[in-house]
Amino acid sequence: MDDLPLYRAAGVAIEAIRPTTESMRAGWDRYLANRPGPTEDPRSDLADDSARWSALLTAAHADPEDPECWGVLHGLRCLGARLEVAGNGLRITPGEIAPDEYAALRERYLVPIAARVTRLLRVDSAPDGLPSGDRERM
């Protein structure tokens, strides 16, 4: 029974932090209710290429060959990567990511899945997945 005071103290401590944990839970619930879906651009604040990212993430999410590909692309976009029209498709650029950090991320995450990412970025692979203005510029 020597542990009884410890349990009482733990109970008091738990009650003391209950408002904090309830507040954190409420914040988490709000986040879950408002977070973008897997095919929505997580950085819609970067509006000029938001439609491109939504199209790319939709195509990547639907690709059964490599579910990791969507995660890599989503993560890069969360960090601020951009999509630019280039040649017969799109090109991922660093955007808000520092060039040296982007180079490291590219080497670690994009290079191993380069074939799949390249296929997703090609217009002729999914021309309906690009906003019409982008298709017309190519």
C-alpha atoms as a PDB file:
ATOM      1  CA  MET A   1       0.000   0.000   0.000  1.00  0.00           C
ATOM      2  CA  ASP A   2       3.003   2.288  -0.075  1.00  0.00           C
ATOM      3  CA  ASP A   3       2.133   3.112  -3.698  1.00  0.00           C
ATOM      4  CA  LEU A   4      -1.299   4.527  -2.852  1.00  0.00           C
ATOM      5  CA  PRO A   5      -0.057   8.148  -2.412  1.00  0.00           C
ATOM      6  CA  LEU A   6       1.682   7.882  -5.786  1.00  0.00           C
ATOM      7  CA  TYR A   7      -1.548   6.801  -7.477  1.00  0.00           C
ATOM      8  CA  ARG A   8      -3.432   9.643  -5.812  1.00  0.00           C
ATOM      9  CA  ALA A   9      -0.781  12.098  -6.996  1.00  0.00           C
ATOM     10  CA  ALA A  10      -0.983  10.675 -10.510  1.00  0.00           C
ATOM     11  CA  GLY A  11      -4.757  11.094 -10.461  1.00  0.00           C
ATOM     12  CA  VAL A  12      -4.387  14.729  -9.449  1.00  0.00           C
ATOM     13  CA  ALA A  13      -1.812  15.276 -12.187  1.00  0.00           C
ATOM     14  CA  ILE A  14      -4.097  13.711 -14.777  1.00  0.00           C
ATOM     15  CA  GLU A  15      -6.982  15.925 -13.704  1.00  0.00           C
ATOM     16  CA  ALA A  16      -4.699  18.952 -13.875  1.00  0.00           C
ATOM     17  CA  ILE A  17      -3.789  18.319 -17.517  1.00  0.00           C
ATOM     18  CA  ARG A  18      -7.252  17.182 -18.651  1.00  0.00           C
ATOM     19  CA  PRO A  19      -8.233  20.662 -19.992  1.00  0.00           C
ATOM     20  CA  THR A  20      -5.025  20.790 -22.026  1.00  0.00           C
ATOM     21  CA  THR A  21      -5.530  17.346 -23.531  1.00  0.00           C
ATOM     22  CA  GLU A  22      -9.180  18.103 -24.288  1.00  0.00           C
ATOM     23  CA  SER A  23      -8.134  21.308 -26.029  1.00  0.00           C
ATOM     24  CA  MET A  24      -5.510  19.417 -28.042  1.00  0.00           C
ATOM     25  CA  ARG A  25      -8.106  16.804 -28.997  1.00  0.00           C
ATOM     26  CA  ALA A  26     -10.518  19.509 -30.141  1.00  0.00           C
ATOM     27  CA  GLY A  27      -7.770  21.052 -32.280  1.00  0.00           C
ATOM     28  CA  TRP A  28      -6.950  17.661 -33.803  1.00  0.00           C
ATOM     29  CA  ASP A  29     -10.621  17.026 -34.559  1.00  0.00           C
ATOM     30  CA  ARG A  30     -10.857  20.430 -36.301  1.00  0.00           C
ATOM     31  CA  TYR A  31      -7.781  19.589 -38.356  1.00  0.00           C
ATOM     32  CA  LEU A  32      -9.204  16.229 -39.409  1.00  0.00           C
ATOM     33  CA  ALA A  33     -12.516  17.812 -40.369  1.00  0.00           C
ATOM     34  CA  ASN A  34     -10.893  20.504 -42.526  1.00  0.00           C
ATOM     35  CA  ARG A  35      -7.799  18.887 -43.999  1.00  0.00           C
ATOM     36  CA  PRO A  36      -7.651  18.510 -47.765  1.00  0.00           C
ATOM     37  CA  GLY A  37      -8.456  15.135 -49.291  1.00  0.00           C
ATOM     38  CA  PRO A  38      -5.690  13.029 -50.826  1.00  0.00           C
ATOM     39  CA  THR A  39      -6.273  14.444 -54.294  1.00  0.00           C
ATOM     40  CA  GLU A  40      -6.579  18.090 -53.250  1.00  0.00           C
ATOM     41  CA  ASP A  41      -3.637  20.457 -53.319  1.00  0.00           C
ATOM     42  CA  PRO A  42      -2.376  20.780 -49.727  1.00  0.00           C
ATOM     43  CA  ARG A  43      -0.913  24.205 -50.610  1.00  0.00           C
ATOM     44  CA  SER A  44      -3.862  25.875 -52.269  1.00  0.00           C
ATOM     45  CA  ASP A  45      -2.351  29.143 -51.009  1.00  0.00           C
ATOM     46  CA  LEU A  46       0.110  28.746 -53.912  1.00  0.00           C
ATOM     47  CA  ALA A  47      -2.715  29.349 -56.363  1.00  0.00           C
ATOM     48  CA  ASP A  48      -0.903  29.676 -59.699  1.00  0.00           C
ATOM     49  CA  ASP A  49      -0.166  25.932 -59.935  1.00  0.00           C
ATOM     50  CA  SER A  50      -2.781  24.567 -57.539  1.00  0.00           C
ATOM     51  CA  ALA A  51      -4.909  23.015 -60.300  1.00  0.00           C
ATOM     52  CA  ARG A  52      -1.818  21.279 -61.706  1.00  0.00           C
ATOM     53  CA  TRP A  53      -0.963  19.822 -58.305  1.00  0.00           C
ATOM     54  CA  SER A  54      -4.523  18.610 -57.774  1.00  0.00           C
ATOM     55  CA  ALA A  55      -4.401  16.870 -61.158  1.00  0.00           C
ATOM     56  CA  LEU A  56      -0.990  15.340 -60.433  1.00  0.00           C
ATOM     57  CA  LEU A  57      -1.965  14.165 -56.952  1.00  0.00           C
ATOM     58  CA  THR A  58      -5.195  12.684 -58.322  1.00  0.00           C
ATOM     59  CA  ALA A  59      -3.247  10.713 -60.938  1.00  0.00           C
ATOM     60  CA  ALA A  60      -0.649   9.585 -58.394  1.00  0.00           C
ATOM     61  CA  HIS A  61      -3.304   8.547 -55.866  1.00  0.00           C
ATOM     62  CA  ALA A  62      -5.070   6.471 -58.523  1.00  0.00           C
ATOM     63  CA  ASP A  63      -1.829   4.731 -59.588  1.00  0.00           C
ATOM     64  CA  PRO A  64      -1.864   1.195 -58.143  1.00  0.00           C
ATOM     65  CA  GLU A  65       1.764   0.534 -59.146  1.00  0.00           C
ATOM     66  CA  ASP A  66       3.388   2.684 -56.505  1.00  0.00           C
ATOM     67  CA  PRO A  67       1.395   4.065 -53.569  1.00  0.00           C
ATOM     68  CA  GLU A  68       4.592   5.670 -52.217  1.00  0.00           C
ATOM     69  CA  CYS A  69       4.720   7.975 -55.234  1.00  0.00           C
ATOM     70  CA  TRP A  70       1.689   9.939 -54.016  1.00  0.00           C
ATOM     71  CA  GLY A  71       3.301  10.399 -50.598  1.00  0.00           C
ATOM     72  CA  VAL A  72       6.517  11.753 -52.080  1.00  0.00           C
ATOM     73  CA  LEU A  73       4.689  14.202 -54.337  1.00  0.00           C
ATOM     74  CA  HIS A  74       2.342  15.274 -51.544  1.00  0.00           C
ATOM     75  CA  GLY A  75       5.266  15.855 -49.194  1.00  0.00           C
ATOM     76  CA  LEU A  76       7.131  17.960 -51.736  1.00  0.00           C
ATOM     77  CA  ARG A  77       4.059  20.074 -52.354  1.00  0.00           C
ATOM     78  CA  CYS A  78       3.497  20.554 -48.614  1.00  0.00           C
ATOM     79  CA  LEU A  79       7.020  21.972 -48.469  1.00  0.00           C
ATOM     80  CA  GLY A  80       6.240  24.386 -51.314  1.00  0.00           C
ATOM     81  CA  ALA A  81       7.458  22.657 -54.495  1.00  0.00           C
ATOM     82  CA  ARG A  82       5.979  24.066 -57.697  1.00  0.00           C
ATOM     83  CA  LEU A  83       4.888  22.625 -61.050  1.00  0.00           C
ATOM     84  CA  GLU A  84       5.846  24.393 -64.262  1.00  0.00           C
ATOM     85  CA  VAL A  85       4.825  23.672 -67.829  1.00  0.00           C
ATOM     86  CA  ALA A  86       7.873  22.298 -69.658  1.00  0.00           C
ATOM     87  CA  GLY A  87       8.108  20.631 -73.061  1.00  0.00           C
ATOM     88  CA  ASN A  88       5.468  17.934 -73.335  1.00  0.00           C
ATOM     89  CA  GLY A  89       4.549  17.874 -69.674  1.00  0.00           C
ATOM     90  CA  LEU A  90       5.213  19.361 -66.300  1.00  0.00           C
ATOM     91  CA  ARG A  91       8.370  19.823 -64.273  1.00  0.00           C
ATOM     92  CA  ILE A  92       8.690  19.899 -60.486  1.00  0.00           C
ATOM     93  CA  THR A  93      10.717  22.874 -59.267  1.00  0.00           C
ATOM     94  CA  PRO A  94      11.906  23.797 -55.753  1.00  0.00           C
ATOM     95  CA  GLY A  95       9.474  26.678 -55.295  1.00  0.00           C
ATOM     96  CA  GLU A  96       9.688  27.611 -51.600  1.00  0.00           C
ATOM     97  CA  ILE A  97      12.187  24.851 -50.782  1.00  0.00           C
ATOM     98  CA  ALA A  98      15.817  25.944 -50.405  1.00  0.00           C
ATOM     99  CA  PRO A  99      17.799  24.703 -53.435  1.00  0.00           C
ATOM    100  CA  ASP A 100      20.208  22.552 -51.402  1.00  0.00           C
ATOM    101  CA  GLU A 101      17.346  21.026 -49.412  1.00  0.00           C
ATOM    102  CA  TYR A 102      15.405  20.350 -52.616  1.00  0.00           C
ATOM    103  CA  ALA A 103      18.457  18.679 -54.174  1.00  0.00           C
ATOM    104  CA  ALA A 104      18.745  16.363 -51.167  1.00  0.00           C
ATOM    105  CA  LEU A 105      15.004  15.578 -51.198  1.00  0.00           C
ATOM    106  CA  ARG A 106      15.079  14.989 -54.940  1.00  0.00           C
ATOM    107  CA  GLU A 107      18.012  12.584 -54.658  1.00  0.00           C
ATOM    108  CA  ARG A 108      16.528  10.677 -51.736  1.00  0.00           C
ATOM    109  CA  TYR A 109      12.861  10.506 -52.738  1.00  0.00           C
ATOM    110  CA  LEU A 110      12.300  11.422 -56.399  1.00  0.00           C
ATOM    111  CA  VAL A 111      15.234   9.699 -58.086  1.00  0.00           C
ATOM    112  CA  PRO A 112      14.238   6.190 -56.884  1.00  0.00           C
ATOM    113  CA  ILE A 113      10.762   6.629 -58.397  1.00  0.00           C
ATOM    114  CA  ALA A 114      11.798   8.797 -61.352  1.00  0.00           C
ATOM    115  CA  ALA A 115      10.182   6.595 -64.012  1.00  0.00           C
ATOM    116  CA  ARG A 116       6.766   6.744 -62.376  1.00  0.00           C
ATOM    117  CA  VAL A 117       6.979  10.458 -61.623  1.00  0.00           C
ATOM    118  CA  THR A 118       8.078  11.176 -65.198  1.00  0.00           C
ATOM    119  CA  ARG A 119       5.127   9.166 -66.521  1.00  0.00           C
ATOM    120  CA  LEU A 120       2.732  11.140 -64.308  1.00  0.00           C
ATOM    121  CA  LEU A 121       4.217  14.454 -65.444  1.00  0.00           C
ATOM    122  CA  ARG A 122       3.900  13.697 -69.171  1.00  0.00           C
ATOM    123  CA  VAL A 123       0.924  15.329 -70.850  1.00  0.00           C
ATOM    124  CA  ASP A 124       0.437  12.523 -73.337  1.00  0.00           C
ATOM    125  CA  SER A 125       0.024  10.081 -70.448  1.00  0.00           C
ATOM    126  CA  ALA A 126      -2.909  11.950 -68.943  1.00  0.00           C
ATOM    127  CA  PRO A 127      -3.918  14.975 -71.039  1.00  0.00           C
ATOM    128  CA  ASP A 128      -7.309  15.223 -69.344  1.00  0.00           C
ATOM    129  CA  GLY A 129      -5.588  15.528 -65.986  1.00  0.00           C
ATOM    130  CA  LEU A 130      -4.162  18.947 -66.763  1.00  0.00           C
ATOM    131  CA  PRO A 131      -6.050  22.201 -66.635  1.00  0.00           C
ATOM    132  CA  SER A 132      -7.118  23.222 -70.152  1.00  0.00           C
ATOM    133  CA  GLY A 133      -4.936  26.341 -70.176  1.00  0.00           C
ATOM    134  CA  ASP A 134      -1.866  24.196 -69.589  1.00  0.00           C
ATOM    135  CA  ARG A 135      -2.793  21.763 -72.384  1.00  0.00           C
ATOM    136  CA  GLU A 136      -3.219  24.677 -74.798  1.00  0.00           C
ATOM    137  CA  ARG A 137       0.213  26.153 -73.956  1.00  0.00           C
ATOM    138  CA  MET A 138       2.028  22.943 -74.861  1.00  0.00           C
END
